[in-house]
Amino acid sequence: MRLKPWWLTFAAWQSDGDVFLILLLVAFSIVLIAVFVFRPQSTATRGGKMIAFLALFALPLLCFGIGASSELEHPKSTQEGAVHTATM
């Protein structure tokens, strides 16, 4: 069995990187939300309110956007692979 060179498998690494990034952002959001749930006095200052906005609104929205983009890109990559193998 012959293995592919590492540079040909970069697309698979990119896909795993997207999943890792999404999981990292979700975990970071959960930690920030937990801080605000267990220490609500941290939102008393202006900076605390801005971080709370990021944790409760912006980061989950970013995670959703990255996940949706990754899912919408997946059919394109599998379709291109099918066309490439069909022409060979």
PDB file of N, CA and C in Angstrom:
ATOM      1  N   MET A   1       0.842  -1.177   0.000  1.00  0.00           N
ATOM      2  CA  MET A   1       0.000   0.000   0.000  1.00  0.00           C
ATOM      3  C   MET A   1       0.889   1.242   0.000  1.00  0.00           C
ATOM      4  N   ARG A   2       0.635   2.125  -0.902  1.00  0.00           N
ATOM      5  CA  ARG A   2       1.447   3.331  -1.015  1.00  0.00           C
ATOM      6  C   ARG A   2       0.728   4.511  -0.366  1.00  0.00           C
ATOM      7  N   LEU A   3       1.429   5.264   0.463  1.00  0.00           N
ATOM      8  CA  LEU A   3       0.856   6.410   1.151  1.00  0.00           C
ATOM      9  C   LEU A   3       0.988   7.661   0.304  1.00  0.00           C
ATOM     10  N   LYS A   4       0.034   8.580   0.472  1.00  0.00           N
ATOM     11  CA  LYS A   4       0.101   9.854  -0.222  1.00  0.00           C
ATOM     12  C   LYS A   4       1.138  10.755   0.451  1.00  0.00           C
ATOM     13  N   PRO A   5       1.766  11.621  -0.324  1.00  0.00           N
ATOM     14  CA  PRO A   5       2.666  12.601   0.289  1.00  0.00           C
ATOM     15  C   PRO A   5       1.881  13.548   1.202  1.00  0.00           C
ATOM     16  N   TRP A   6       2.544  14.100   2.191  1.00  0.00           N
ATOM     17  CA  TRP A   6       1.865  14.924   3.178  1.00  0.00           C
ATOM     18  C   TRP A   6       1.214  16.160   2.566  1.00  0.00           C
ATOM     19  N   TRP A   7       1.795  16.711   1.498  1.00  0.00           N
ATOM     20  CA  TRP A   7       1.221  17.930   0.927  1.00  0.00           C
ATOM     21  C   TRP A   7      -0.089  17.668   0.192  1.00  0.00           C
ATOM     22  N   LEU A   8      -0.344  16.434  -0.184  1.00  0.00           N
ATOM     23  CA  LEU A   8      -1.619  16.119  -0.824  1.00  0.00           C
ATOM     24  C   LEU A   8      -2.747  15.933   0.182  1.00  0.00           C
ATOM     25  N   THR A   9      -2.417  15.740   1.426  1.00  0.00           N
ATOM     26  CA  THR A   9      -3.442  15.562   2.451  1.00  0.00           C
ATOM     27  C   THR A   9      -3.707  16.845   3.213  1.00  0.00           C
ATOM     28  N   PHE A  10      -3.248  17.994   2.706  1.00  0.00           N
ATOM     29  CA  PHE A  10      -3.449  19.266   3.399  1.00  0.00           C
ATOM     30  C   PHE A  10      -4.920  19.599   3.558  1.00  0.00           C
ATOM     31  N   ALA A  11      -5.762  19.251   2.595  1.00  0.00           N
ATOM     32  CA  ALA A  11      -7.194  19.549   2.695  1.00  0.00           C
ATOM     33  C   ALA A  11      -7.809  18.857   3.907  1.00  0.00           C
ATOM     34  N   ALA A  12      -7.371  17.653   4.210  1.00  0.00           N
ATOM     35  CA  ALA A  12      -7.876  16.953   5.391  1.00  0.00           C
ATOM     36  C   ALA A  12      -7.415  17.661   6.661  1.00  0.00           C
ATOM     37  N   TRP A  13      -6.186  18.177   6.665  1.00  0.00           N
ATOM     38  CA  TRP A  13      -5.705  18.915   7.835  1.00  0.00           C
ATOM     39  C   TRP A  13      -6.513  20.182   8.029  1.00  0.00           C
ATOM     40  N   GLN A  14      -6.848  20.853   6.937  1.00  0.00           N
ATOM     41  CA  GLN A  14      -7.607  22.088   7.036  1.00  0.00           C
ATOM     42  C   GLN A  14      -8.985  21.799   7.618  1.00  0.00           C
ATOM     43  N   SER A  15      -9.590  20.713   7.220  1.00  0.00           N
ATOM     44  CA  SER A  15     -10.894  20.340   7.754  1.00  0.00           C
ATOM     45  C   SER A  15     -10.810  20.073   9.245  1.00  0.00           C
ATOM     46  N   ASP A  16      -9.780  19.330   9.676  1.00  0.00           N
ATOM     47  CA  ASP A  16      -9.613  19.065  11.102  1.00  0.00           C
ATOM     48  C   ASP A  16      -9.304  20.343  11.861  1.00  0.00           C
ATOM     49  N   GLY A  17      -8.601  21.254  11.241  1.00  0.00           N
ATOM     50  CA  GLY A  17      -8.296  22.534  11.873  1.00  0.00           C
ATOM     51  C   GLY A  17      -9.543  23.346  12.125  1.00  0.00           C
ATOM     52  N   ASP A  18     -10.493  23.315  11.186  1.00  0.00           N
ATOM     53  CA  ASP A  18     -11.753  24.015  11.381  1.00  0.00           C
ATOM     54  C   ASP A  18     -12.504  23.445  12.575  1.00  0.00           C
ATOM     55  N   VAL A  19     -12.540  22.135  12.684  1.00  0.00           N
ATOM     56  CA  VAL A  19     -13.225  21.492  13.801  1.00  0.00           C
ATOM     57  C   VAL A  19     -12.536  21.854  15.108  1.00  0.00           C
ATOM     58  N   PHE A  20     -11.207  21.822  15.114  1.00  0.00           N
ATOM     59  CA  PHE A  20     -10.467  22.180  16.313  1.00  0.00           C
ATOM     60  C   PHE A  20     -10.729  23.626  16.709  1.00  0.00           C
ATOM     61  N   LEU A  21     -10.753  24.536  15.740  1.00  0.00           N
ATOM     62  CA  LEU A  21     -11.002  25.942  16.022  1.00  0.00           C
ATOM     63  C   LEU A  21     -12.398  26.147  16.593  1.00  0.00           C
ATOM     64  N   ILE A  22     -13.374  25.482  16.021  1.00  0.00           N
ATOM     65  CA  ILE A  22     -14.747  25.603  16.525  1.00  0.00           C
ATOM     66  C   ILE A  22     -14.831  25.085  17.956  1.00  0.00           C
ATOM     67  N   LEU A  23     -14.242  23.916  18.214  1.00  0.00           N
ATOM     68  CA  LEU A  23     -14.279  23.360  19.569  1.00  0.00           C
ATOM     69  C   LEU A  23     -13.542  24.255  20.562  1.00  0.00           C
ATOM     70  N   LEU A  24     -12.439  24.843  20.138  1.00  0.00           N
ATOM     71  CA  LEU A  24     -11.695  25.746  21.002  1.00  0.00           C
ATOM     72  C   LEU A  24     -12.519  26.990  21.334  1.00  0.00           C
ATOM     73  N   LEU A  25     -13.169  27.561  20.334  1.00  0.00           N
ATOM     74  CA  LEU A  25     -14.002  28.744  20.578  1.00  0.00           C
ATOM     75  C   LEU A  25     -15.217  28.414  21.442  1.00  0.00           C
ATOM     76  N   VAL A  26     -15.821  27.252  21.239  1.00  0.00           N
ATOM     77  CA  VAL A  26     -16.958  26.848  22.063  1.00  0.00           C
ATOM     78  C   VAL A  26     -16.519  26.664  23.513  1.00  0.00           C
ATOM     79  N   ALA A  27     -15.380  26.004  23.716  1.00  0.00           N
ATOM     80  CA  ALA A  27     -14.879  25.810  25.078  1.00  0.00           C
ATOM     81  C   ALA A  27     -14.556  27.147  25.735  1.00  0.00           C
ATOM     82  N   PHE A  28     -13.951  28.060  24.999  1.00  0.00           N
ATOM     83  CA  PHE A  28     -13.643  29.390  25.534  1.00  0.00           C
ATOM     84  C   PHE A  28     -14.926  30.133  25.893  1.00  0.00           C
ATOM     85  N   SER A  29     -15.953  30.029  25.056  1.00  0.00           N
ATOM     86  CA  SER A  29     -17.246  30.660  25.348  1.00  0.00           C
ATOM     87  C   SER A  29     -17.867  30.079  26.605  1.00  0.00           C
ATOM     88  N   ILE A  30     -17.811  28.762  26.747  1.00  0.00           N
ATOM     89  CA  ILE A  30     -18.384  28.115  27.928  1.00  0.00           C
ATOM     90  C   ILE A  30     -17.667  28.575  29.199  1.00  0.00           C
ATOM     91  N   VAL A  31     -16.343  28.675  29.140  1.00  0.00           N
ATOM     92  CA  VAL A  31     -15.588  29.129  30.311  1.00  0.00           C
ATOM     93  C   VAL A  31     -15.959  30.560  30.670  1.00  0.00           C
ATOM     94  N   LEU A  32     -16.039  31.438  29.679  1.00  0.00           N
ATOM     95  CA  LEU A  32     -16.413  32.826  29.959  1.00  0.00           C
ATOM     96  C   LEU A  32     -17.828  32.933  30.504  1.00  0.00           C
ATOM     97  N   ILE A  33     -18.752  32.180  29.941  1.00  0.00           N
ATOM     98  CA  ILE A  33     -20.134  32.201  30.435  1.00  0.00           C
ATOM     99  C   ILE A  33     -20.183  31.691  31.870  1.00  0.00           C
ATOM    100  N   ALA A  34     -19.411  30.645  32.171  1.00  0.00           N
ATOM    101  CA  ALA A  34     -19.370  30.118  33.542  1.00  0.00           C
ATOM    102  C   ALA A  34     -18.835  31.165  34.509  1.00  0.00           C
ATOM    103  N   VAL A  35     -17.842  31.936  34.086  1.00  0.00           N
ATOM    104  CA  VAL A  35     -17.317  32.993  34.950  1.00  0.00           C
ATOM    105  C   VAL A  35     -18.410  34.003  35.260  1.00  0.00           C
ATOM    106  N   PHE A  36     -19.189  34.379  34.269  1.00  0.00           N
ATOM    107  CA  PHE A  36     -20.237  35.376  34.500  1.00  0.00           C
ATOM    108  C   PHE A  36     -21.419  34.810  35.274  1.00  0.00           C
ATOM    109  N   VAL A  37     -21.659  33.515  35.185  1.00  0.00           N
ATOM    110  CA  VAL A  37     -22.737  32.905  35.965  1.00  0.00           C
ATOM    111  C   VAL A  37     -22.344  32.818  37.441  1.00  0.00           C
ATOM    112  N   PHE A  38     -21.109  32.409  37.709  1.00  0.00           N
ATOM    113  CA  PHE A  38     -20.684  32.216  39.090  1.00  0.00           C
ATOM    114  C   PHE A  38     -20.121  33.479  39.741  1.00  0.00           C
ATOM    115  N   ARG A  39     -19.752  34.475  38.944  1.00  0.00           N
ATOM    116  CA  ARG A  39     -19.258  35.744  39.483  1.00  0.00           C
ATOM    117  C   ARG A  39     -19.927  36.903  38.755  1.00  0.00           C
ATOM    118  N   PRO A  40     -21.217  37.119  38.993  1.00  0.00           N
ATOM    119  CA  PRO A  40     -21.933  38.177  38.270  1.00  0.00           C
ATOM    120  C   PRO A  40     -21.419  39.583  38.583  1.00  0.00           C
ATOM    121  N   GLN A  41     -20.718  39.764  39.697  1.00  0.00           N
ATOM    122  CA  GLN A  41     -20.194  41.090  40.022  1.00  0.00           C
ATOM    123  C   GLN A  41     -19.093  41.518  39.046  1.00  0.00           C
ATOM    124  N   SER A  42     -18.566  40.582  38.278  1.00  0.00           N
ATOM    125  CA  SER A  42     -17.525  40.942  37.310  1.00  0.00           C
ATOM    126  C   SER A  42     -18.084  41.744  36.131  1.00  0.00           C
ATOM    127  N   THR A  43     -19.396  41.802  36.003  1.00  0.00           N
ATOM    128  CA  THR A  43     -19.999  42.596  34.923  1.00  0.00           C
ATOM    129  C   THR A  43     -20.373  43.999  35.390  1.00  0.00           C
ATOM    130  N   ALA A  44     -19.954  44.389  36.577  1.00  0.00           N
ATOM    131  CA  ALA A  44     -20.299  45.710  37.107  1.00  0.00           C
ATOM    132  C   ALA A  44     -19.564  46.824  36.374  1.00  0.00           C
ATOM    133  N   THR A  45     -18.376  46.551  35.893  1.00  0.00           N
ATOM    134  CA  THR A  45     -17.600  47.595  35.211  1.00  0.00           C
ATOM    135  C   THR A  45     -17.911  47.590  33.713  1.00  0.00           C
ATOM    136  N   ARG A  46     -17.465  48.630  33.052  1.00  0.00           N
ATOM    137  CA  ARG A  46     -17.696  48.743  31.610  1.00  0.00           C
ATOM    138  C   ARG A  46     -16.979  47.626  30.848  1.00  0.00           C
ATOM    139  N   GLY A  47     -15.744  47.324  31.245  1.00  0.00           N
ATOM    140  CA  GLY A  47     -14.985  46.251  30.603  1.00  0.00           C
ATOM    141  C   GLY A  47     -15.641  44.895  30.801  1.00  0.00           C
ATOM    142  N   GLY A  48     -16.188  44.656  31.985  1.00  0.00           N
ATOM    143  CA  GLY A  48     -16.890  43.403  32.265  1.00  0.00           C
ATOM    144  C   GLY A  48     -18.116  43.240  31.390  1.00  0.00           C
ATOM    145  N   LYS A  49     -18.818  44.339  31.157  1.00  0.00           N
ATOM    146  CA  LYS A  49     -20.007  44.288  30.288  1.00  0.00           C
ATOM    147  C   LYS A  49     -19.619  43.994  28.840  1.00  0.00           C
ATOM    148  N   MET A  50     -18.495  44.550  28.414  1.00  0.00           N
ATOM    149  CA  MET A  50     -18.045  44.293  27.042  1.00  0.00           C
ATOM    150  C   MET A  50     -17.630  42.833  26.878  1.00  0.00           C
ATOM    151  N   ILE A  51     -16.934  42.281  27.862  1.00  0.00           N
ATOM    152  CA  ILE A  51     -16.542  40.874  27.790  1.00  0.00           C
ATOM    153  C   ILE A  51     -17.767  39.968  27.872  1.00  0.00           C
ATOM    154  N   ALA A  52     -18.746  40.359  28.684  1.00  0.00           N
ATOM    155  CA  ALA A  52     -19.982  39.573  28.774  1.00  0.00           C
ATOM    156  C   ALA A  52     -20.700  39.569  27.427  1.00  0.00           C
ATOM    157  N   PHE A  53     -20.717  40.707  26.742  1.00  0.00           N
ATOM    158  CA  PHE A  53     -21.320  40.753  25.412  1.00  0.00           C
ATOM    159  C   PHE A  53     -20.601  39.814  24.456  1.00  0.00           C
ATOM    160  N   LEU A  54     -19.277  39.837  24.505  1.00  0.00           N
ATOM    161  CA  LEU A  54     -18.516  38.935  23.643  1.00  0.00           C
ATOM    162  C   LEU A  54     -18.815  37.477  23.968  1.00  0.00           C
ATOM    163  N   ALA A  55     -18.854  37.146  25.253  1.00  0.00           N
ATOM    164  CA  ALA A  55     -19.054  35.751  25.668  1.00  0.00           C
ATOM    165  C   ALA A  55     -20.460  35.260  25.369  1.00  0.00           C
ATOM    166  N   LEU A  56     -21.455  36.120  25.529  1.00  0.00           N
ATOM    167  CA  LEU A  56     -22.841  35.684  25.385  1.00  0.00           C
ATOM    168  C   LEU A  56     -23.399  35.861  23.980  1.00  0.00           C
ATOM    169  N   PHE A  57     -22.795  36.729  23.189  1.00  0.00           N
ATOM    170  CA  PHE A  57     -23.351  36.989  21.861  1.00  0.00           C
ATOM    171  C   PHE A  57     -22.337  36.776  20.729  1.00  0.00           C
ATOM    172  N   ALA A  58     -21.215  37.469  20.793  1.00  0.00           N
ATOM    173  CA  ALA A  58     -20.294  37.489  19.650  1.00  0.00           C
ATOM    174  C   ALA A  58     -19.578  36.153  19.445  1.00  0.00           C
ATOM    175  N   LEU A  59     -19.051  35.541  20.501  1.00  0.00           N
ATOM    176  CA  LEU A  59     -18.338  34.271  20.328  1.00  0.00           C
ATOM    177  C   LEU A  59     -19.259  33.135  19.863  1.00  0.00           C
ATOM    178  N   PRO A  60     -20.453  32.975  20.446  1.00  0.00           N
ATOM    179  CA  PRO A  60     -21.342  31.935  19.893  1.00  0.00           C
ATOM    180  C   PRO A  60     -21.728  32.202  18.435  1.00  0.00           C
ATOM    181  N   LEU A  61     -21.918  33.463  18.085  1.00  0.00           N
ATOM    182  CA  LEU A  61     -22.229  33.794  16.695  1.00  0.00           C
ATOM    183  C   LEU A  61     -21.051  33.478  15.784  1.00  0.00           C
ATOM    184  N   LEU A  62     -19.846  33.733  16.237  1.00  0.00           N
ATOM    185  CA  LEU A  62     -18.647  33.394  15.474  1.00  0.00           C
ATOM    186  C   LEU A  62     -18.525  31.883  15.295  1.00  0.00           C
ATOM    187  N   CYS A  63     -18.792  31.132  16.366  1.00  0.00           N
ATOM    188  CA  CYS A  63     -18.742  29.661  16.281  1.00  0.00           C
ATOM    189  C   CYS A  63     -19.770  29.152  15.278  1.00  0.00           C
ATOM    190  N   PHE A  64     -20.963  29.722  15.307  1.00  0.00           N
ATOM    191  CA  PHE A  64     -22.004  29.325  14.352  1.00  0.00           C
ATOM    192  C   PHE A  64     -21.574  29.633  12.920  1.00  0.00           C
ATOM    193  N   GLY A  65     -21.004  30.800  12.708  1.00  0.00           N
ATOM    194  CA  GLY A  65     -20.569  31.176  11.365  1.00  0.00           C
ATOM    195  C   GLY A  65     -19.467  30.282  10.825  1.00  0.00           C
ATOM    196  N   ILE A  66     -18.488  29.960  11.662  1.00  0.00           N
ATOM    197  CA  ILE A  66     -17.396  29.078  11.227  1.00  0.00           C
ATOM    198  C   ILE A  66     -17.923  27.681  10.945  1.00  0.00           C
ATOM    199  N   GLY A  67     -18.811  27.190  11.818  1.00  0.00           N
ATOM    200  CA  GLY A  67     -19.389  25.851  11.622  1.00  0.00           C
ATOM    201  C   GLY A  67     -20.233  25.777  10.364  1.00  0.00           C
ATOM    202  N   ALA A  68     -21.045  26.796  10.127  1.00  0.00           N
ATOM    203  CA  ALA A  68     -21.875  26.807   8.930  1.00  0.00           C
ATOM    204  C   ALA A  68     -21.019  26.886   7.669  1.00  0.00           C
ATOM    205  N   SER A  69     -19.986  27.705   7.704  1.00  0.00           N
ATOM    206  CA  SER A  69     -19.092  27.811   6.558  1.00  0.00           C
ATOM    207  C   SER A  69     -18.399  26.486   6.275  1.00  0.00           C
ATOM    208  N   SER A  70     -17.963  25.821   7.336  1.00  0.00           N
ATOM    209  CA  SER A  70     -17.299  24.528   7.177  1.00  0.00           C
ATOM    210  C   SER A  70     -18.250  23.485   6.597  1.00  0.00           C
ATOM    211  N   GLU A  71     -19.484  23.479   7.077  1.00  0.00           N
ATOM    212  CA  GLU A  71     -20.460  22.516   6.576  1.00  0.00           C
ATOM    213  C   GLU A  71     -20.858  22.807   5.130  1.00  0.00           C
ATOM    214  N   LEU A  72     -20.943  24.073   4.759  1.00  0.00           N
ATOM    215  CA  LEU A  72     -21.293  24.417   3.382  1.00  0.00           C
ATOM    216  C   LEU A  72     -20.145  24.147   2.419  1.00  0.00           C
ATOM    217  N   GLU A  73     -18.920  24.202   2.906  1.00  0.00           N
ATOM    218  CA  GLU A  73     -17.753  23.939   2.073  1.00  0.00           C
ATOM    219  C   GLU A  73     -17.553  22.441   1.852  1.00  0.00           C
ATOM    220  N   HIS A  74     -18.003  21.614   2.782  1.00  0.00           N
ATOM    221  CA  HIS A  74     -17.776  20.168   2.701  1.00  0.00           C
ATOM    222  C   HIS A  74     -18.368  19.537   1.435  1.00  0.00           C
ATOM    223  N   PRO A  75     -19.623  19.824   1.052  1.00  0.00           N
ATOM    224  CA  PRO A  75     -20.134  19.209  -0.184  1.00  0.00           C
ATOM    225  C   PRO A  75     -19.356  19.635  -1.431  1.00  0.00           C
ATOM    226  N   LYS A  76     -18.846  20.852  -1.450  1.00  0.00           N
ATOM    227  CA  LYS A  76     -18.067  21.299  -2.605  1.00  0.00           C
ATOM    228  C   LYS A  76     -16.791  20.474  -2.744  1.00  0.00           C
ATOM    229  N   SER A  77     -16.126  20.219  -1.607  1.00  0.00           N
ATOM    230  CA  SER A  77     -14.865  19.479  -1.677  1.00  0.00           C
ATOM    231  C   SER A  77     -15.105  18.027  -2.059  1.00  0.00           C
ATOM    232  N   THR A  78     -16.183  17.406  -1.587  1.00  0.00           N
ATOM    233  CA  THR A  78     -16.442  16.019  -1.964  1.00  0.00           C
ATOM    234  C   THR A  78     -16.910  15.938  -3.413  1.00  0.00           C
ATOM    235  N   GLN A  79     -17.627  16.945  -3.879  1.00  0.00           N
ATOM    236  CA  GLN A  79     -18.079  16.958  -5.273  1.00  0.00           C
ATOM    237  C   GLN A  79     -16.877  17.122  -6.208  1.00  0.00           C
ATOM    238  N   GLU A  80     -15.937  17.999  -5.853  1.00  0.00           N
ATOM    239  CA  GLU A  80     -14.741  18.169  -6.682  1.00  0.00           C
ATOM    240  C   GLU A  80     -13.922  16.894  -6.723  1.00  0.00           C
ATOM    241  N   GLY A  81     -13.851  16.193  -5.590  1.00  0.00           N
ATOM    242  CA  GLY A  81     -13.118  14.928  -5.549  1.00  0.00           C
ATOM    243  C   GLY A  81     -13.752  13.888  -6.454  1.00  0.00           C
ATOM    244  N   ALA A  82     -15.089  13.873  -6.503  1.00  0.00           N
ATOM    245  CA  ALA A  82     -15.779  12.908  -7.347  1.00  0.00           C
ATOM    246  C   ALA A  82     -15.557  13.238  -8.820  1.00  0.00           C
ATOM    247  N   VAL A  83     -15.545  14.512  -9.162  1.00  0.00           N
ATOM    248  CA  VAL A  83     -15.306  14.915 -10.544  1.00  0.00           C
ATOM    249  C   VAL A  83     -13.866  14.581 -10.924  1.00  0.00           C
ATOM    250  N   HIS A  84     -12.935  14.822 -10.015  1.00  0.00           N
ATOM    251  CA  HIS A  84     -11.527  14.542 -10.302  1.00  0.00           C
ATOM    252  C   HIS A  84     -11.295  13.055 -10.535  1.00  0.00           C
ATOM    253  N   THR A  85     -11.893  12.197  -9.729  1.00  0.00           N
ATOM    254  CA  THR A  85     -11.687  10.758  -9.913  1.00  0.00           C
ATOM    255  C   THR A  85     -12.427  10.239 -11.133  1.00  0.00           C
ATOM    256  N   ALA A  86     -13.530  10.892 -11.508  1.00  0.00           N
ATOM    257  CA  ALA A  86     -14.279  10.442 -12.678  1.00  0.00           C
ATOM    258  C   ALA A  86     -13.535  10.749 -13.975  1.00  0.00           C
ATOM    259  N   THR A  87     -12.739  11.816 -13.971  1.00  0.00           N
ATOM    260  CA  THR A  87     -12.030  12.187 -15.195  1.00  0.00           C
ATOM    261  C   THR A  87     -10.736  11.407 -15.371  1.00  0.00           C
ATOM    262  N   MET A  88     -10.284  10.715 -14.344  1.00  0.00           N
ATOM    263  CA  MET A  88      -9.025   9.985 -14.449  1.00  0.00           C
ATOM    264  C   MET A  88      -9.186   8.695 -15.173  1.00  0.00           C
TER     265      MET A  88
END
